[in-house]
Amino acid sequence: MAAERAHIANNEANEPSSKIVRFGTDMPLKLDSGKILTPFQIAYQTYGELNAARSNAVLICHALTGDQHVASDNPVTGKPGWWDVLIGPGKVIDTNRFFVICSNVLGGCLGSTGPATINPETGKPWGLDMPIVTIGDMVRAQVMLVDHLGIDRLFSVIGGSMGGMQVLQWASSHPERVHTALPIATGARHSSQNIAFHEVGRQAVMADPDWCGGRYIEAGKRPEKGLAVARMAAHITYLSEAALHRKFGRNLQDRDALTFGFDADFQIESYLRHQGMSFVDRFDANSYLYMTRAMDYFDLAADHGGRLADAFRNTSTRFCLVSFTSDWLFPTEESRSIVHALNAAGASVSFVEIETDRGHDAFLLDEPGLFSAIDGFLRSAARARGLEELA
């Protein structure tokens, strides 16, 4: 099963089963690093129908380990879309009302140009020859996709964690194209603690002998152990101590007594090992390096002279920020600092802190408070714009 999933994942990297748009050498993408990426491709999914006025488009930005299959079965794992609980007919983001777009980010591994896709100059996977990409680069590629779809203004851009970073970048760089912005469980820059966790994960991947200096695809190998350890370390940050204790405590895994060895005695150990190994079946190790680096480099205030409010000067975008009380990866203080900056910029902004012990991952789960906040905000914004059909 693992080998079959790996084969499917390799195929999806270059010839995805989702929709795809290829930008040729006549449409190069200038990256923040100063390098030019051309040609390149973006894989995406859409749900619902674009209305005649092209006023009902909602862009969903995915988090680090997400992809474009936000509300449809993942072609590698067969599991439902990662935000299937939120998006679909009759759901909070109702595809009977909204035209939903979700693309695999630049640097990803499920069809958009990334280190696992073929470098047209060499005929081999890009590997580490691919230029480093940033959140800004991801958004510029999304802008080209939205242009390709013939949409001038998005009704909303929504995303959590790394997806929330993209939302903030969209609202800052293209305010005239974003009516509403919903950054969830995110920050305007990556903290030193978060950079530290990412570095541990990257070093775990690169220390795996099967990483082969990033050329493991050509060598017919995969750095499974290193990537699994990276996923295990990261997954701990997505949860809260209260949630871990409630779910696992110190319960033993399929045994009545300690083994006095290094097998998975505790349920939490077995859970993390499962999370690690299931992750390597669907995700490219080099993409993990590139995407964590993009998050590390994100610092919206630094791009505007160190003053975050200047990133949103004269914006007409309506904002709603959401945080969770038990999220220690992107704590509420991060969202509050963005709210303060938006207030200083004179922006229209609302803020919701949701009480939960489910940690950072709460944004992906069935959280009634989150659903209520998103639904109320979108309906209010639709009425304010005179789009009663969306309210």
Protein backbone atom coordinates (compact mmCIF):
# COMPACT_ATOMS: atom_id res chain seq x y z
CA MET A 1 0.00 0.00 0.00
CA ALA A 2 2.81 2.44 0.90
CA ALA A 3 4.65 1.71 -2.36
CA GLU A 4 1.43 2.20 -4.33
CA ARG A 5 0.78 5.55 -2.64
CA ALA A 6 4.35 6.65 -3.35
CA HIS A 7 3.88 5.78 -7.03
CA ILE A 8 0.62 7.74 -7.20
CA ALA A 9 2.23 10.70 -5.42
CA ASN A 10 5.12 10.76 -7.92
CA ASN A 11 2.65 10.75 -10.81
CA GLU A 12 0.53 13.48 -9.22
CA ALA A 13 3.60 15.73 -8.93
CA ASN A 14 3.90 16.12 -12.69
CA GLU A 15 0.56 15.06 -14.15
CA PRO A 16 -2.02 15.76 -11.47
CA SER A 17 -5.54 14.41 -11.68
CA SER A 18 -6.82 17.87 -10.75
CA LYS A 19 -7.05 20.84 -13.09
CA ILE A 20 -3.79 22.42 -14.19
CA VAL A 21 -2.65 25.59 -15.89
CA ARG A 22 0.78 25.84 -17.47
CA PHE A 23 2.46 29.22 -17.82
CA GLY A 24 4.96 29.23 -20.65
CA THR A 25 8.15 31.18 -21.18
CA ASP A 26 6.05 34.15 -22.28
CA MET A 27 4.69 34.42 -18.71
CA PRO A 28 7.72 34.14 -16.39
CA LEU A 29 7.39 34.43 -12.62
CA LYS A 30 9.94 36.69 -10.93
CA LEU A 31 10.69 35.35 -7.47
CA ASP A 32 11.62 37.29 -4.34
CA SER A 33 15.08 35.74 -4.58
CA GLY A 34 15.58 37.63 -7.85
CA LYS A 35 15.48 34.45 -9.91
CA ILE A 36 13.03 33.76 -12.71
CA LEU A 37 10.87 30.63 -12.82
CA THR A 38 9.72 29.71 -16.30
CA PRO A 39 7.93 27.69 -17.46
CA PHE A 40 5.88 26.58 -14.46
CA GLN A 41 2.52 25.05 -13.65
CA ILE A 42 -0.16 25.40 -11.00
CA ALA A 43 -2.55 22.57 -10.10
CA TYR A 44 -5.93 23.51 -8.70
CA GLN A 45 -9.47 22.42 -7.94
CA THR A 46 -12.72 24.35 -8.20
CA TYR A 47 -16.11 23.71 -6.61
CA GLY A 48 -19.43 25.32 -7.48
CA GLU A 49 -20.07 27.66 -10.38
CA LEU A 50 -18.76 31.15 -11.13
CA ASN A 51 -21.75 33.46 -11.46
CA ALA A 52 -22.34 35.75 -14.42
CA ALA A 53 -21.07 38.80 -12.52
CA ARG A 54 -17.94 36.87 -11.44
CA SER A 55 -18.56 38.16 -7.92
CA ASN A 56 -18.80 34.91 -5.94
CA ALA A 57 -15.22 33.57 -6.15
CA VAL A 58 -13.62 32.41 -2.89
CA LEU A 59 -9.94 31.46 -2.84
CA ILE A 60 -8.91 28.91 -0.21
CA CYS A 61 -5.21 28.90 0.71
CA HIS A 62 -3.87 25.67 2.15
CA ALA A 63 -1.55 25.11 5.08
CA LEU A 64 1.88 23.46 5.09
CA THR A 65 0.75 19.86 4.66
CA GLY A 66 -2.42 20.61 2.69
CA ASP A 67 -3.09 20.66 -1.03
CA GLN A 68 -5.67 21.70 -3.61
CA HIS A 69 -8.07 18.89 -2.63
CA VAL A 70 -9.83 21.00 -0.04
CA ALA A 71 -13.29 19.50 -0.55
CA SER A 72 -12.72 16.40 -2.69
CA ASP A 73 -11.06 13.06 -2.10
CA ASN A 74 -7.27 13.11 -2.06
CA PRO A 75 -5.97 11.08 -5.05
CA VAL A 76 -3.07 9.67 -3.02
CA THR A 77 -4.74 8.73 0.25
CA GLY A 78 -8.35 8.44 -0.86
CA LYS A 79 -9.38 10.43 2.20
CA PRO A 80 -11.93 13.30 2.09
CA GLY A 81 -10.70 16.83 1.44
CA TRP A 82 -8.89 18.49 4.34
CA TRP A 83 -11.65 21.13 4.80
CA ASP A 84 -14.54 18.96 3.64
CA VAL A 85 -16.27 19.70 6.95
CA LEU A 86 -16.48 23.39 6.00
CA ILE A 87 -16.85 23.51 2.20
CA GLY A 88 -19.57 22.00 0.05
CA PRO A 89 -23.25 22.23 -0.86
CA GLY A 90 -25.22 23.58 2.09
CA LYS A 91 -22.11 23.92 4.26
CA VAL A 92 -20.64 27.10 5.77
CA ILE A 93 -18.78 27.91 2.57
CA ASP A 94 -21.69 26.86 0.43
CA THR A 95 -20.72 25.80 -3.07
CA ASN A 96 -24.32 26.43 -4.13
CA ARG A 97 -23.54 30.12 -3.54
CA PHE A 98 -19.78 30.39 -3.92
CA PHE A 99 -17.27 29.43 -6.59
CA VAL A 100 -14.43 27.97 -4.54
CA ILE A 101 -10.85 27.80 -5.86
CA CYS A 102 -7.96 26.05 -4.14
CA SER A 103 -4.52 25.65 -5.71
CA ASN A 104 -1.52 23.60 -4.72
CA VAL A 105 1.06 26.20 -3.72
CA LEU A 106 4.20 26.85 -5.71
CA GLY A 107 6.81 24.50 -4.24
CA GLY A 108 4.16 21.94 -3.36
CA CYS A 109 4.12 18.30 -4.37
CA LEU A 110 0.72 17.58 -5.85
CA GLY A 111 0.95 19.12 -9.30
CA SER A 112 2.25 22.67 -8.94
CA THR A 113 5.88 23.26 -9.85
CA GLY A 114 8.00 22.08 -6.97
CA PRO A 115 11.17 20.11 -6.27
CA ALA A 116 9.49 16.82 -7.30
CA THR A 117 8.39 18.10 -10.72
CA ILE A 118 10.54 17.82 -13.81
CA ASN A 119 12.98 20.62 -14.55
CA PRO A 120 12.43 21.26 -18.28
CA GLU A 121 16.09 22.14 -18.75
CA THR A 122 17.41 18.81 -17.43
CA GLY A 123 14.52 16.40 -17.83
CA LYS A 124 15.07 15.37 -14.21
CA PRO A 125 13.25 16.34 -10.99
CA TRP A 126 14.15 19.82 -9.81
CA GLY A 127 15.35 18.68 -6.39
CA LEU A 128 17.33 21.43 -4.67
CA ASP A 129 18.00 23.11 -8.03
CA MET A 130 14.59 24.71 -7.76
CA PRO A 131 14.87 28.30 -6.51
CA ILE A 132 13.68 29.03 -2.98
CA VAL A 133 10.12 30.32 -2.96
CA THR A 134 8.39 32.64 -0.50
CA ILE A 135 4.81 33.25 0.58
CA GLY A 136 4.89 36.26 -1.75
CA ASP A 137 5.92 34.02 -4.65
CA MET A 138 3.09 31.60 -3.88
CA VAL A 139 0.60 34.47 -3.96
CA ARG A 140 1.98 35.89 -7.22
CA ALA A 141 1.44 32.47 -8.80
CA GLN A 142 -2.11 32.41 -7.41
CA VAL A 143 -2.74 35.85 -8.89
CA MET A 144 -1.76 34.48 -12.29
CA LEU A 145 -4.16 31.58 -11.78
CA VAL A 146 -7.01 33.92 -10.81
CA ASP A 147 -6.24 36.04 -13.88
CA HIS A 148 -6.33 32.89 -16.00
CA LEU A 149 -9.80 32.16 -14.62
CA GLY A 150 -10.94 35.66 -15.64
CA ILE A 151 -11.66 36.90 -12.12
CA ASP A 152 -10.85 40.51 -11.30
CA ARG A 153 -11.92 40.58 -7.65
CA LEU A 154 -12.24 37.77 -5.14
CA PHE A 155 -15.17 37.86 -2.77
CA SER A 156 -12.97 36.29 -0.10
CA VAL A 157 -9.54 34.81 0.51
CA ILE A 158 -9.52 32.33 3.39
CA GLY A 159 -6.85 30.17 4.99
CA GLY A 160 -5.31 28.95 8.22
CA SER A 161 -1.70 28.71 9.40
CA MET A 162 0.51 28.98 6.27
CA GLY A 163 -2.73 29.54 4.40
CA GLY A 164 -3.39 32.51 6.69
CA MET A 165 -0.01 33.94 5.75
CA GLN A 166 -1.06 33.80 2.11
CA VAL A 167 -4.33 35.55 2.99
CA LEU A 168 -2.41 38.40 4.65
CA GLN A 169 -0.05 38.63 1.67
CA TRP A 170 -3.00 38.79 -0.74
CA ALA A 171 -4.68 41.53 1.29
CA SER A 172 -1.46 43.53 1.55
CA SER A 173 -0.21 43.18 -2.03
CA HIS A 174 -3.55 43.13 -3.88
CA PRO A 175 -6.12 44.90 -1.69
CA GLU A 176 -8.11 46.04 -4.71
CA ARG A 177 -8.71 42.40 -5.61
CA VAL A 178 -9.84 41.13 -2.20
CA HIS A 179 -13.25 42.09 -0.82
CA THR A 180 -12.87 40.07 2.39
CA ALA A 181 -9.95 38.33 4.07
CA LEU A 182 -10.15 35.59 6.70
CA PRO A 183 -6.73 34.79 8.20
CA ILE A 184 -7.14 31.98 10.75
CA ALA A 185 -4.65 30.74 13.37
CA THR A 186 -1.75 32.58 11.78
CA GLY A 187 0.74 35.42 12.21
CA ALA A 188 2.27 38.30 10.28
CA ARG A 189 5.70 36.71 10.70
CA HIS A 190 7.14 33.41 11.81
CA SER A 191 8.44 33.44 15.38
CA SER A 192 11.93 32.27 16.31
CA GLN A 193 10.35 29.31 18.14
CA ASN A 194 8.51 28.23 14.99
CA ILE A 195 11.65 28.64 12.89
CA ALA A 196 13.45 26.45 15.42
CA PHE A 197 10.89 23.64 15.12
CA HIS A 198 11.11 23.83 11.33
CA GLU A 199 14.90 23.60 11.44
CA VAL A 200 14.70 20.45 13.56
CA GLY A 201 12.42 18.94 10.91
CA ARG A 202 14.64 19.96 8.02
CA GLN A 203 17.73 18.57 9.70
CA ALA A 204 15.91 15.28 10.33
CA VAL A 205 15.12 15.02 6.61
CA MET A 206 18.62 15.94 5.46
CA ALA A 207 20.24 13.57 7.98
CA ASP A 208 18.44 10.60 6.45
CA PRO A 209 20.97 8.77 4.21
CA ASP A 210 18.18 8.13 1.71
CA TRP A 211 17.80 11.89 1.18
CA CYS A 212 20.79 11.62 -1.20
CA GLY A 213 21.50 15.34 -1.19
CA GLY A 214 17.97 15.96 -2.42
CA ARG A 215 18.31 13.58 -5.40
CA TYR A 216 16.43 10.66 -3.85
CA ILE A 217 13.84 10.41 -6.67
CA GLU A 218 16.56 9.82 -9.24
CA ALA A 219 18.16 7.30 -6.88
CA GLY A 220 14.87 5.44 -6.46
CA LYS A 221 14.82 6.13 -2.73
CA ARG A 222 12.82 8.15 -0.21
CA PRO A 223 14.01 9.68 3.09
CA GLU A 224 11.06 8.13 4.91
CA LYS A 225 12.59 7.98 8.38
CA GLY A 226 13.79 11.56 8.36
CA LEU A 227 10.53 12.96 7.00
CA ALA A 228 8.54 10.88 9.48
CA VAL A 229 10.53 12.31 12.39
CA ALA A 230 10.01 15.83 11.00
CA ARG A 231 6.26 15.20 10.83
CA MET A 232 6.20 13.79 14.37
CA ALA A 233 7.96 16.85 15.81
CA ALA A 234 5.72 19.24 13.88
CA HIS A 235 2.53 17.39 14.78
CA ILE A 236 3.21 17.93 18.49
CA THR A 237 3.09 21.68 17.86
CA TYR A 238 -0.34 21.37 16.23
CA LEU A 239 -1.89 19.96 19.40
CA SER A 240 -2.22 21.17 22.98
CA GLU A 241 -1.10 19.53 26.20
CA ALA A 242 -4.73 19.33 27.33
CA ALA A 243 -5.79 17.61 24.11
CA LEU A 244 -2.91 15.15 24.30
CA HIS A 245 -3.73 14.33 27.92
CA ARG A 246 -7.45 13.95 27.19
CA LYS A 247 -6.85 11.68 24.22
CA PHE A 248 -3.85 9.65 25.36
CA GLY A 249 -2.77 10.44 28.91
CA ARG A 250 -0.16 7.87 29.88
CA ASN A 251 -2.18 4.97 28.50
CA LEU A 252 -0.24 1.98 27.26
CA GLN A 253 -0.48 0.76 23.68
CA ASP A 254 -1.84 -2.79 23.35
CA ARG A 255 -0.10 -4.02 26.49
CA ASP A 256 -0.68 -4.32 30.21
CA ALA A 257 2.80 -3.41 31.44
CA LEU A 258 5.93 -1.54 30.44
CA THR A 259 8.33 -3.50 28.22
CA PHE A 260 11.45 -1.78 29.57
CA GLY A 261 12.61 -1.24 26.00
CA PHE A 262 12.24 1.28 23.19
CA ASP A 263 9.15 -0.02 21.48
CA ALA A 264 6.03 2.15 21.51
CA ASP A 265 4.89 1.48 25.07
CA PHE A 266 2.59 4.51 25.20
CA GLN A 267 -0.37 5.31 22.97
CA ILE A 268 1.03 8.74 22.21
CA GLU A 269 4.22 7.15 20.87
CA SER A 270 2.26 4.83 18.60
CA TYR A 271 0.08 7.72 17.44
CA LEU A 272 3.06 9.88 16.49
CA ARG A 273 4.75 7.02 14.66
CA HIS A 274 1.57 6.44 12.69
CA GLN A 275 1.32 10.15 11.86
CA GLY A 276 4.92 10.15 10.65
CA MET A 277 4.70 7.08 8.45
CA SER A 278 1.33 7.94 6.91
CA PHE A 279 2.67 11.39 6.03
CA VAL A 280 5.62 10.10 4.00
CA ASP A 281 3.22 8.21 1.73
CA ARG A 282 1.68 11.42 0.44
CA PHE A 283 4.23 14.21 0.82
CA ASP A 284 7.54 15.00 -0.84
CA ALA A 285 10.48 15.54 1.51
CA ASN A 286 12.02 18.36 -0.51
CA SER A 287 8.67 20.14 -0.68
CA TYR A 288 8.64 20.00 3.12
CA LEU A 289 12.01 21.78 3.13
CA TYR A 290 10.88 24.44 0.67
CA MET A 291 7.52 25.17 2.26
CA THR A 292 8.84 25.38 5.82
CA ARG A 293 11.49 27.79 4.54
CA ALA A 294 8.82 29.93 2.90
CA MET A 295 7.02 30.19 6.25
CA ASP A 296 10.28 31.05 8.04
CA TYR A 297 10.98 33.90 5.62
CA PHE A 298 7.52 35.42 6.03
CA ASP A 299 7.64 38.81 7.77
CA LEU A 300 5.04 41.22 6.46
CA ALA A 301 6.16 44.18 8.59
CA ALA A 302 9.78 43.82 7.41
CA ASP A 303 8.54 44.28 3.85
CA HIS A 304 7.06 47.65 4.88
CA GLY A 305 9.81 49.37 6.82
CA GLY A 306 9.14 47.41 9.99
CA ARG A 307 5.64 48.88 10.51
CA LEU A 308 2.90 46.30 10.04
CA ALA A 309 0.16 48.91 9.68
CA ASP A 310 1.84 50.18 6.51
CA ALA A 311 1.23 46.79 4.92
CA PHE A 312 -2.50 47.59 4.94
CA ARG A 313 -2.48 51.34 4.31
CA ASN A 314 -5.64 52.63 2.58
CA THR A 315 -7.08 49.12 2.28
CA SER A 316 -10.78 48.66 1.55
CA THR A 317 -10.65 44.94 2.34
CA ARG A 318 -12.85 43.75 5.22
CA PHE A 319 -11.00 41.48 7.65
CA CYS A 320 -12.00 38.84 10.17
CA LEU A 321 -9.22 37.25 12.20
CA VAL A 322 -9.72 34.05 14.18
CA SER A 323 -7.50 32.54 16.86
CA PHE A 324 -7.81 29.66 19.33
CA THR A 325 -7.10 29.85 23.05
CA SER A 326 -4.95 26.69 23.13
CA ASP A 327 -2.93 27.40 19.97
CA TRP A 328 0.68 27.85 21.09
CA LEU A 329 2.09 27.65 17.56
CA PHE A 330 0.28 30.85 16.57
CA PRO A 331 -1.06 32.18 19.88
CA THR A 332 -3.81 34.76 20.12
CA GLU A 333 -1.24 37.52 20.65
CA GLU A 334 -0.17 37.05 17.03
CA SER A 335 -3.68 37.74 15.78
CA ARG A 336 -4.14 40.67 18.15
CA SER A 337 -1.01 42.35 16.80
CA ILE A 338 -2.45 42.10 13.28
CA VAL A 339 -5.78 43.50 14.50
CA HIS A 340 -3.96 46.44 16.11
CA ALA A 341 -2.07 47.09 12.86
CA LEU A 342 -5.31 46.98 10.87
CA ASN A 343 -6.94 49.39 13.32
CA ALA A 344 -3.98 51.73 12.91
CA ALA A 345 -4.42 51.52 9.14
CA GLY A 346 -8.11 52.38 9.45
CA ALA A 347 -9.22 49.01 8.10
CA SER A 348 -12.56 47.31 8.75
CA VAL A 349 -11.68 44.42 11.06
CA SER A 350 -13.36 42.00 13.42
CA PHE A 351 -11.68 39.49 15.68
CA VAL A 352 -12.82 36.22 17.27
CA GLU A 353 -10.91 34.17 19.83
CA ILE A 354 -12.43 30.70 20.12
CA GLU A 355 -12.27 28.76 23.38
CA THR A 356 -11.01 25.25 22.69
CA ASP A 357 -8.39 22.80 23.98
CA ARG A 358 -7.72 21.33 20.52
CA GLY A 359 -4.68 23.49 19.78
CA HIS A 360 -3.55 24.82 16.42
CA ASP A 361 -5.29 22.03 14.49
CA ALA A 362 -8.66 23.34 15.69
CA PHE A 363 -9.01 25.28 12.44
CA LEU A 364 -9.22 21.98 10.54
CA LEU A 365 -11.78 20.38 12.85
CA ASP A 366 -15.50 20.59 13.49
CA GLU A 367 -15.48 23.74 15.61
CA PRO A 368 -18.95 25.34 15.82
CA GLY A 369 -17.49 28.66 16.98
CA LEU A 370 -15.28 28.85 13.89
CA PHE A 371 -18.13 27.91 11.57
CA SER A 372 -20.40 30.53 13.11
CA ALA A 373 -17.75 33.24 12.82
CA ILE A 374 -17.01 32.49 9.15
CA ASP A 375 -20.68 32.21 8.20
CA GLY A 376 -21.67 35.44 9.96
CA PHE A 377 -18.75 37.38 8.53
CA LEU A 378 -19.30 36.26 4.93
CA ARG A 379 -23.03 36.94 5.05
CA SER A 380 -22.50 40.38 6.56
CA ALA A 381 -19.83 41.24 3.98
CA ALA A 382 -22.11 40.09 1.15
CA ARG A 383 -24.95 42.32 2.35
CA ALA A 384 -22.55 45.27 2.74
CA ARG A 385 -21.54 44.84 -0.89
CA GLY A 386 -25.10 44.48 -2.07
CA LEU A 387 -24.67 40.80 -2.94
CA GLU A 388 -27.84 39.52 -1.34
CA GLU A 389 -27.64 36.29 -3.31
CA LEU A 390 -24.46 35.42 -1.37
CA ALA A 391 -25.94 36.33 2.01
